Amino acid sequence: MLKRRIARTALAIGMVAAAVFGLSPAATAGASSFKAAAVHGGGASATAVQVVGGMTWYARSVGLTNIHLWVTAGECGSWMVAGYQGSTLIDYRSWTRDYCAPAGGPQSWPFSDITLDGSAVPGGITMIEVEVWDHSHSGYQRVTCYRSTSYCS
């Protein structure tokens, strides 16, 4: 009897914490992954820099997992991600240092999981933008992912 009461109390505390911090699953399923790739211009269309990762939409926040920045040989790049509600910036992370691959081959950098926190805003984060920059050729790409849809564009 006591074990059941403790288990119910722990479950209730966990549910309250998830609701307060916006970490319960979203009612609508958004995209589950993202990819932003900066390509060379002038018809070459070769990928210079790209960032990829998994994405989990919570009630008011967004979790990014298994993030990797890939830079082709002899190139440099960086990336950032920002969470919005409409046009209002809620939370962001930015890595502005140059990540440069040696001339001998491409290089990949893993990043720790990220949570963009929208728990303080009613409705939370409804859209994220992921940008990747090719510093060697002054190129970039931005992809936008919405909680209400199942794709990034």
N, C-alpha and C. Protein backbone atom coordinates (compact mmCIF):
# COMPACT_ATOMS: atom_id res chain seq x y z
N MET A 1 0.82 -1.19 0.00
CA MET A 1 0.00 0.00 0.00
C MET A 1 0.87 1.26 0.00
N LEU A 2 1.87 1.28 0.87
CA LEU A 2 2.75 2.44 0.95
C LEU A 2 3.54 2.61 -0.35
N LYS A 3 3.98 1.49 -0.94
CA LYS A 3 4.73 1.56 -2.20
C LYS A 3 3.88 2.16 -3.31
N ARG A 4 2.59 1.78 -3.37
CA ARG A 4 1.69 2.34 -4.38
C ARG A 4 1.49 3.83 -4.19
N ARG A 5 1.34 4.24 -2.96
CA ARG A 5 1.14 5.66 -2.65
C ARG A 5 2.38 6.46 -3.05
N ILE A 6 3.57 5.93 -2.76
CA ILE A 6 4.82 6.60 -3.13
C ILE A 6 4.93 6.67 -4.65
N ALA A 7 4.60 5.58 -5.35
CA ALA A 7 4.67 5.55 -6.81
C ALA A 7 3.71 6.57 -7.42
N ARG A 8 2.47 6.65 -6.88
CA ARG A 8 1.51 7.63 -7.41
C ARG A 8 1.99 9.05 -7.17
N THR A 9 2.56 9.31 -6.00
CA THR A 9 3.09 10.64 -5.68
C THR A 9 4.24 10.99 -6.62
N ALA A 10 5.15 10.06 -6.85
CA ALA A 10 6.28 10.31 -7.75
C ALA A 10 5.79 10.58 -9.17
N LEU A 11 4.79 9.82 -9.63
CA LEU A 11 4.23 10.03 -10.96
C LEU A 11 3.60 11.42 -11.06
N ALA A 12 2.85 11.82 -10.05
CA ALA A 12 2.21 13.13 -10.07
C ALA A 12 3.25 14.25 -10.09
N ILE A 13 4.30 14.11 -9.30
CA ILE A 13 5.37 15.11 -9.28
C ILE A 13 6.04 15.20 -10.64
N GLY A 14 6.29 14.06 -11.26
CA GLY A 14 6.90 14.04 -12.59
C GLY A 14 6.03 14.71 -13.63
N MET A 15 4.72 14.46 -13.58
CA MET A 15 3.81 15.08 -14.54
C MET A 15 3.75 16.59 -14.35
N VAL A 16 3.73 17.04 -13.11
CA VAL A 16 3.72 18.48 -12.84
C VAL A 16 5.02 19.11 -13.33
N ALA A 17 6.16 18.48 -13.06
CA ALA A 17 7.44 19.03 -13.51
C ALA A 17 7.49 19.11 -15.03
N ALA A 18 7.00 18.09 -15.72
CA ALA A 18 7.00 18.11 -17.19
C ALA A 18 6.13 19.24 -17.71
N ALA A 19 4.97 19.44 -17.09
CA ALA A 19 4.09 20.52 -17.54
C ALA A 19 4.70 21.89 -17.26
N VAL A 20 5.28 22.07 -16.08
CA VAL A 20 5.87 23.35 -15.71
C VAL A 20 7.03 23.71 -16.62
N PHE A 21 7.88 22.75 -16.93
CA PHE A 21 9.07 23.03 -17.72
C PHE A 21 8.85 22.83 -19.22
N GLY A 22 7.62 22.55 -19.64
CA GLY A 22 7.33 22.43 -21.06
C GLY A 22 7.96 21.21 -21.70
N LEU A 23 8.18 20.14 -20.93
CA LEU A 23 8.86 18.97 -21.47
C LEU A 23 7.93 17.79 -21.70
N SER A 24 6.63 18.02 -21.68
CA SER A 24 5.72 16.94 -22.05
C SER A 24 5.60 16.93 -23.57
N PRO A 25 5.32 15.77 -24.16
CA PRO A 25 5.25 15.71 -25.61
C PRO A 25 4.21 16.68 -26.17
N ALA A 26 4.47 17.20 -27.35
CA ALA A 26 3.55 18.14 -27.99
C ALA A 26 2.30 17.41 -28.45
N ALA A 27 1.18 18.13 -28.48
CA ALA A 27 -0.07 17.55 -28.94
C ALA A 27 -0.02 17.30 -30.45
N THR A 28 0.74 18.12 -31.17
CA THR A 28 0.90 17.92 -32.61
C THR A 28 2.34 17.56 -32.88
N ALA A 29 2.55 16.62 -33.78
CA ALA A 29 3.90 16.16 -34.05
C ALA A 29 4.54 16.99 -35.15
N GLY A 30 5.64 17.63 -34.83
CA GLY A 30 6.40 18.38 -35.83
C GLY A 30 7.47 17.50 -36.44
N ALA A 31 8.32 18.11 -37.22
CA ALA A 31 9.41 17.38 -37.86
C ALA A 31 10.27 16.70 -36.80
N SER A 32 10.85 15.55 -37.14
CA SER A 32 11.66 14.82 -36.18
C SER A 32 13.16 14.92 -36.47
N SER A 33 13.54 15.61 -37.54
CA SER A 33 14.96 15.81 -37.83
C SER A 33 15.13 17.09 -38.64
N PHE A 34 16.37 17.56 -38.71
CA PHE A 34 16.66 18.76 -39.48
C PHE A 34 17.97 18.58 -40.21
N LYS A 35 18.13 19.33 -41.31
CA LYS A 35 19.37 19.34 -42.07
C LYS A 35 19.46 20.69 -42.77
N ALA A 36 20.55 21.39 -42.52
CA ALA A 36 20.83 22.64 -43.22
C ALA A 36 22.19 22.49 -43.88
N ALA A 37 22.26 22.76 -45.18
CA ALA A 37 23.50 22.57 -45.93
C ALA A 37 23.80 23.79 -46.78
N ALA A 38 24.97 24.38 -46.58
CA ALA A 38 25.43 25.49 -47.42
C ALA A 38 26.20 24.90 -48.59
N VAL A 39 25.77 25.24 -49.81
CA VAL A 39 26.41 24.70 -51.00
C VAL A 39 27.15 25.80 -51.75
N HIS A 40 28.14 25.38 -52.52
CA HIS A 40 28.91 26.32 -53.34
C HIS A 40 28.03 26.87 -54.45
N GLY A 41 28.25 28.12 -54.81
CA GLY A 41 27.52 28.74 -55.91
C GLY A 41 28.21 28.48 -57.24
N GLY A 42 27.77 29.19 -58.26
CA GLY A 42 28.39 29.11 -59.57
C GLY A 42 28.15 27.79 -60.27
N GLY A 43 27.07 27.09 -59.92
CA GLY A 43 26.74 25.84 -60.59
C GLY A 43 27.40 24.61 -60.02
N ALA A 44 28.35 24.77 -59.12
CA ALA A 44 29.05 23.60 -58.57
C ALA A 44 28.13 22.77 -57.68
N SER A 45 27.32 23.43 -56.88
CA SER A 45 26.34 22.80 -55.99
C SER A 45 26.93 21.75 -55.06
N ALA A 46 28.20 21.82 -54.76
CA ALA A 46 28.83 20.90 -53.81
C ALA A 46 28.59 21.40 -52.39
N THR A 47 28.25 20.49 -51.49
CA THR A 47 28.02 20.87 -50.10
C THR A 47 29.35 21.22 -49.44
N ALA A 48 29.40 22.41 -48.85
CA ALA A 48 30.60 22.86 -48.14
C ALA A 48 30.48 22.57 -46.65
N VAL A 49 29.32 22.90 -46.08
CA VAL A 49 29.09 22.77 -44.65
C VAL A 49 27.65 22.32 -44.45
N GLN A 50 27.42 21.39 -43.52
CA GLN A 50 26.05 21.04 -43.19
C GLN A 50 25.95 20.66 -41.72
N VAL A 51 24.77 20.90 -41.16
CA VAL A 51 24.48 20.48 -39.79
C VAL A 51 23.21 19.64 -39.85
N VAL A 52 23.22 18.51 -39.12
CA VAL A 52 22.08 17.60 -39.09
C VAL A 52 21.83 17.19 -37.64
N GLY A 53 20.60 16.77 -37.37
CA GLY A 53 20.29 16.29 -36.03
C GLY A 53 18.85 15.86 -35.90
N GLY A 54 18.54 15.29 -34.76
CA GLY A 54 17.18 14.90 -34.44
C GLY A 54 16.47 16.00 -33.68
N MET A 55 15.14 15.95 -33.69
CA MET A 55 14.36 17.02 -33.08
C MET A 55 13.14 16.41 -32.40
N THR A 56 12.88 16.85 -31.17
CA THR A 56 11.68 16.44 -30.44
C THR A 56 10.95 17.70 -30.00
N TRP A 57 9.70 17.80 -30.40
CA TRP A 57 8.87 18.94 -30.01
C TRP A 57 8.16 18.59 -28.71
N TYR A 58 8.33 19.43 -27.71
CA TYR A 58 7.64 19.28 -26.44
C TYR A 58 6.49 20.29 -26.40
N ALA A 59 5.75 20.33 -25.30
CA ALA A 59 4.59 21.22 -25.21
C ALA A 59 4.96 22.67 -25.48
N ARG A 60 6.10 23.12 -24.94
CA ARG A 60 6.51 24.52 -25.16
C ARG A 60 7.97 24.66 -25.53
N SER A 61 8.71 23.59 -25.58
CA SER A 61 10.14 23.62 -25.85
C SER A 61 10.49 22.67 -26.99
N VAL A 62 11.74 22.71 -27.43
CA VAL A 62 12.22 21.85 -28.52
C VAL A 62 13.56 21.26 -28.10
N GLY A 63 13.70 19.95 -28.25
CA GLY A 63 14.96 19.28 -27.97
C GLY A 63 15.66 18.89 -29.26
N LEU A 64 16.95 19.18 -29.35
CA LEU A 64 17.76 18.78 -30.51
C LEU A 64 18.77 17.75 -30.03
N THR A 65 18.88 16.64 -30.75
CA THR A 65 19.74 15.53 -30.35
C THR A 65 20.60 15.06 -31.51
N ASN A 66 21.64 14.31 -31.18
CA ASN A 66 22.50 13.69 -32.18
C ASN A 66 22.95 14.70 -33.25
N ILE A 67 23.40 15.86 -32.80
CA ILE A 67 23.76 16.96 -33.70
C ILE A 67 25.19 16.79 -34.19
N HIS A 68 25.37 16.94 -35.50
CA HIS A 68 26.71 16.88 -36.11
C HIS A 68 26.87 17.99 -37.13
N LEU A 69 27.98 18.69 -37.04
CA LEU A 69 28.38 19.67 -38.05
C LEU A 69 29.42 18.99 -38.93
N TRP A 70 29.19 18.98 -40.23
CA TRP A 70 30.10 18.35 -41.18
C TRP A 70 30.66 19.44 -42.09
N VAL A 71 31.99 19.46 -42.23
CA VAL A 71 32.67 20.45 -43.07
C VAL A 71 33.55 19.69 -44.06
N THR A 72 33.43 20.05 -45.34
CA THR A 72 34.21 19.37 -46.37
C THR A 72 35.67 19.83 -46.32
N ALA A 73 36.55 19.07 -46.93
CA ALA A 73 38.00 19.33 -46.90
C ALA A 73 38.34 20.76 -47.31
N GLY A 74 39.14 21.42 -46.48
CA GLY A 74 39.62 22.76 -46.79
C GLY A 74 38.62 23.87 -46.57
N GLU A 75 37.46 23.57 -46.01
CA GLU A 75 36.41 24.57 -45.79
C GLU A 75 36.29 24.89 -44.30
N CYS A 76 35.60 26.01 -44.01
CA CYS A 76 35.32 26.41 -42.63
C CYS A 76 33.84 26.80 -42.53
N GLY A 77 33.24 26.55 -41.37
CA GLY A 77 31.85 26.90 -41.19
C GLY A 77 31.45 26.98 -39.74
N SER A 78 30.20 27.37 -39.52
CA SER A 78 29.62 27.45 -38.18
C SER A 78 28.10 27.32 -38.31
N TRP A 79 27.39 27.32 -37.16
CA TRP A 79 25.93 27.18 -37.22
C TRP A 79 25.28 27.78 -35.99
N MET A 80 23.96 27.93 -36.07
CA MET A 80 23.16 28.41 -34.94
C MET A 80 21.74 27.88 -35.08
N VAL A 81 21.00 27.91 -33.98
CA VAL A 81 19.59 27.52 -33.98
C VAL A 81 18.84 28.50 -33.09
N ALA A 82 17.64 28.88 -33.51
CA ALA A 82 16.83 29.83 -32.75
C ALA A 82 15.39 29.34 -32.71
N GLY A 83 14.74 29.51 -31.56
CA GLY A 83 13.34 29.14 -31.39
C GLY A 83 12.47 30.38 -31.30
N TYR A 84 11.37 30.37 -32.01
CA TYR A 84 10.47 31.53 -32.10
C TYR A 84 9.04 31.12 -31.79
N GLN A 85 8.26 32.13 -31.41
CA GLN A 85 6.81 32.05 -31.46
C GLN A 85 6.39 33.22 -32.34
N GLY A 86 5.90 32.92 -33.52
CA GLY A 86 5.68 33.98 -34.51
C GLY A 86 7.01 34.61 -34.86
N SER A 87 7.10 35.94 -34.75
CA SER A 87 8.36 36.62 -35.04
C SER A 87 9.16 36.94 -33.77
N THR A 88 8.69 36.47 -32.62
CA THR A 88 9.35 36.75 -31.35
C THR A 88 10.38 35.67 -31.02
N LEU A 89 11.64 36.09 -30.86
CA LEU A 89 12.71 35.17 -30.48
C LEU A 89 12.51 34.75 -29.03
N ILE A 90 12.50 33.44 -28.78
CA ILE A 90 12.31 32.91 -27.43
C ILE A 90 13.64 32.42 -26.85
N ASP A 91 14.41 31.66 -27.61
CA ASP A 91 15.68 31.10 -27.12
C ASP A 91 16.55 30.77 -28.32
N TYR A 92 17.86 30.79 -28.14
CA TYR A 92 18.76 30.44 -29.23
C TYR A 92 20.10 29.94 -28.70
N ARG A 93 20.84 29.28 -29.59
CA ARG A 93 22.23 28.87 -29.34
C ARG A 93 23.01 29.18 -30.60
N SER A 94 24.25 29.64 -30.43
CA SER A 94 25.07 30.01 -31.57
C SER A 94 26.51 29.57 -31.35
N TRP A 95 27.12 29.03 -32.39
CA TRP A 95 28.52 28.64 -32.38
C TRP A 95 29.19 29.41 -33.50
N THR A 96 29.82 30.52 -33.18
CA THR A 96 30.35 31.42 -34.22
C THR A 96 31.81 31.18 -34.54
N ARG A 97 32.50 30.36 -33.77
CA ARG A 97 33.90 30.11 -34.10
C ARG A 97 33.97 29.32 -35.40
N ASP A 98 35.08 29.41 -36.10
CA ASP A 98 35.29 28.64 -37.32
C ASP A 98 35.58 27.18 -36.99
N TYR A 99 34.80 26.30 -37.55
CA TYR A 99 35.09 24.86 -37.53
C TYR A 99 35.68 24.55 -38.90
N CYS A 100 36.97 24.27 -38.96
CA CYS A 100 37.67 24.11 -40.23
C CYS A 100 38.17 22.67 -40.41
N ALA A 101 37.89 22.12 -41.58
CA ALA A 101 38.37 20.78 -41.92
C ALA A 101 39.73 20.90 -42.60
N PRO A 102 40.64 19.98 -42.35
CA PRO A 102 41.95 20.03 -43.01
C PRO A 102 41.80 19.77 -44.51
N ALA A 103 42.79 20.20 -45.28
CA ALA A 103 42.75 20.02 -46.73
C ALA A 103 42.70 18.55 -47.12
N GLY A 104 43.18 17.67 -46.26
CA GLY A 104 43.23 16.25 -46.57
C GLY A 104 41.91 15.51 -46.53
N GLY A 105 40.87 16.10 -45.96
CA GLY A 105 39.60 15.38 -45.89
C GLY A 105 38.57 16.10 -45.05
N PRO A 106 37.31 15.67 -45.15
CA PRO A 106 36.24 16.30 -44.37
C PRO A 106 36.37 15.99 -42.88
N GLN A 107 35.66 16.77 -42.09
CA GLN A 107 35.66 16.55 -40.65
C GLN A 107 34.25 16.77 -40.12
N SER A 108 33.91 16.03 -39.06
CA SER A 108 32.61 16.14 -38.42
C SER A 108 32.80 16.43 -36.94
N TRP A 109 31.98 17.31 -36.39
CA TRP A 109 32.02 17.62 -34.96
C TRP A 109 30.67 17.28 -34.35
N PRO A 110 30.64 16.49 -33.27
CA PRO A 110 29.39 16.25 -32.56
C PRO A 110 29.14 17.37 -31.56
N PHE A 111 27.88 17.65 -31.30
CA PHE A 111 27.49 18.65 -30.31
C PHE A 111 26.59 18.01 -29.28
N SER A 112 26.64 18.52 -28.06
CA SER A 112 25.78 18.03 -26.99
C SER A 112 24.32 18.32 -27.33
N ASP A 113 23.43 17.52 -26.76
CA ASP A 113 22.00 17.76 -26.95
C ASP A 113 21.63 19.14 -26.43
N ILE A 114 20.64 19.75 -27.05
CA ILE A 114 20.22 21.12 -26.74
C ILE A 114 18.72 21.13 -26.49
N THR A 115 18.28 21.90 -25.51
CA THR A 115 16.86 22.18 -25.35
C THR A 115 16.67 23.68 -25.48
N LEU A 116 15.88 24.09 -26.47
CA LEU A 116 15.47 25.49 -26.57
C LEU A 116 14.25 25.62 -25.68
N ASP A 117 14.34 26.45 -24.65
CA ASP A 117 13.35 26.51 -23.59
C ASP A 117 12.30 27.58 -23.86
N GLY A 118 11.08 27.15 -24.06
CA GLY A 118 9.97 28.08 -24.25
C GLY A 118 8.97 28.00 -23.12
N SER A 119 9.38 27.43 -21.97
CA SER A 119 8.44 27.18 -20.87
C SER A 119 7.88 28.45 -20.24
N ALA A 120 8.57 29.58 -20.37
CA ALA A 120 8.10 30.82 -19.75
C ALA A 120 7.08 31.56 -20.61
N VAL A 121 6.80 31.05 -21.81
CA VAL A 121 5.92 31.75 -22.75
C VAL A 121 4.68 30.89 -23.01
N PRO A 122 3.48 31.44 -22.78
CA PRO A 122 2.27 30.67 -23.10
C PRO A 122 2.31 30.23 -24.57
N GLY A 123 2.10 28.96 -24.81
CA GLY A 123 2.17 28.44 -26.17
C GLY A 123 3.55 27.99 -26.58
N GLY A 124 4.58 28.52 -25.92
CA GLY A 124 5.96 28.11 -26.15
C GLY A 124 6.49 28.36 -27.54
N ILE A 125 7.55 27.63 -27.88
CA ILE A 125 8.20 27.76 -29.18
C ILE A 125 7.37 27.01 -30.22
N THR A 126 7.08 27.68 -31.32
CA THR A 126 6.28 27.06 -32.39
C THR A 126 7.07 26.89 -33.68
N MET A 127 8.28 27.44 -33.74
CA MET A 127 9.08 27.37 -34.95
C MET A 127 10.55 27.47 -34.57
N ILE A 128 11.41 26.73 -35.28
CA ILE A 128 12.84 26.94 -35.12
C ILE A 128 13.46 27.25 -36.48
N GLU A 129 14.54 27.99 -36.45
CA GLU A 129 15.36 28.24 -37.63
C GLU A 129 16.76 27.74 -37.34
N VAL A 130 17.29 26.94 -38.26
CA VAL A 130 18.65 26.43 -38.17
C VAL A 130 19.42 27.07 -39.32
N GLU A 131 20.53 27.73 -39.00
CA GLU A 131 21.36 28.35 -40.04
C GLU A 131 22.75 27.75 -39.99
N VAL A 132 23.33 27.53 -41.17
CA VAL A 132 24.70 27.05 -41.29
C VAL A 132 25.42 27.99 -42.25
N TRP A 133 26.68 28.32 -41.90
CA TRP A 133 27.45 29.26 -42.72
C TRP A 133 28.69 28.60 -43.29
N ASP A 134 28.94 28.87 -44.55
CA ASP A 134 30.18 28.48 -45.23
C ASP A 134 31.08 29.71 -45.18
N HIS A 135 32.00 29.77 -44.24
CA HIS A 135 32.86 30.94 -44.07
C HIS A 135 33.87 31.08 -45.19
N SER A 136 34.19 29.98 -45.86
CA SER A 136 35.19 30.02 -46.93
C SER A 136 34.66 30.71 -48.19
N HIS A 137 33.33 30.64 -48.41
CA HIS A 137 32.75 31.21 -49.63
C HIS A 137 31.60 32.17 -49.33
N SER A 138 31.47 32.60 -48.09
CA SER A 138 30.42 33.54 -47.67
C SER A 138 29.02 33.07 -48.04
N GLY A 139 28.77 31.77 -47.93
CA GLY A 139 27.45 31.24 -48.22
C GLY A 139 26.77 30.77 -46.95
N TYR A 140 25.46 30.61 -47.01
CA TYR A 140 24.73 30.07 -45.87
C TYR A 140 23.41 29.47 -46.33
N GLN A 141 22.80 28.69 -45.45
CA GLN A 141 21.44 28.23 -45.67
C GLN A 141 20.69 28.27 -44.36
N ARG A 142 19.43 28.62 -44.45
CA ARG A 142 18.53 28.62 -43.30
C ARG A 142 17.38 27.65 -43.60
N VAL A 143 17.09 26.78 -42.65
CA VAL A 143 15.90 25.95 -42.76
C VAL A 143 14.98 26.31 -41.59
N THR A 144 13.68 26.26 -41.86
CA THR A 144 12.67 26.59 -40.87
C THR A 144 11.82 25.36 -40.62
N CYS A 145 11.63 25.02 -39.35
CA CYS A 145 10.84 23.86 -38.95
C CYS A 145 9.71 24.34 -38.04
N TYR A 146 8.49 23.88 -38.32
CA TYR A 146 7.32 24.29 -37.55
C TYR A 146 6.79 23.13 -36.72
N ARG A 147 6.35 23.45 -35.52
CA ARG A 147 5.76 22.42 -34.67
C ARG A 147 4.48 21.87 -35.30
N SER A 148 3.75 22.69 -36.03
CA SER A 148 2.45 22.29 -36.58
C SER A 148 2.53 21.41 -37.82
N THR A 149 3.72 21.25 -38.40
CA THR A 149 3.86 20.44 -39.61
C THR A 149 4.91 19.36 -39.41
N SER A 150 5.04 18.51 -40.37
CA SER A 150 5.99 17.40 -40.23
C SER A 150 7.20 17.56 -41.14
N TYR A 151 7.55 18.78 -41.46
CA TYR A 151 8.71 18.98 -42.33
C TYR A 151 9.43 20.29 -42.02
N CYS A 152 10.64 20.37 -42.51
CA CYS A 152 11.42 21.61 -42.45
C CYS A 152 11.62 22.09 -43.88
N SER A 153 11.62 23.40 -44.07
CA SER A 153 11.83 23.93 -45.42
C SER A 153 12.82 25.08 -45.40
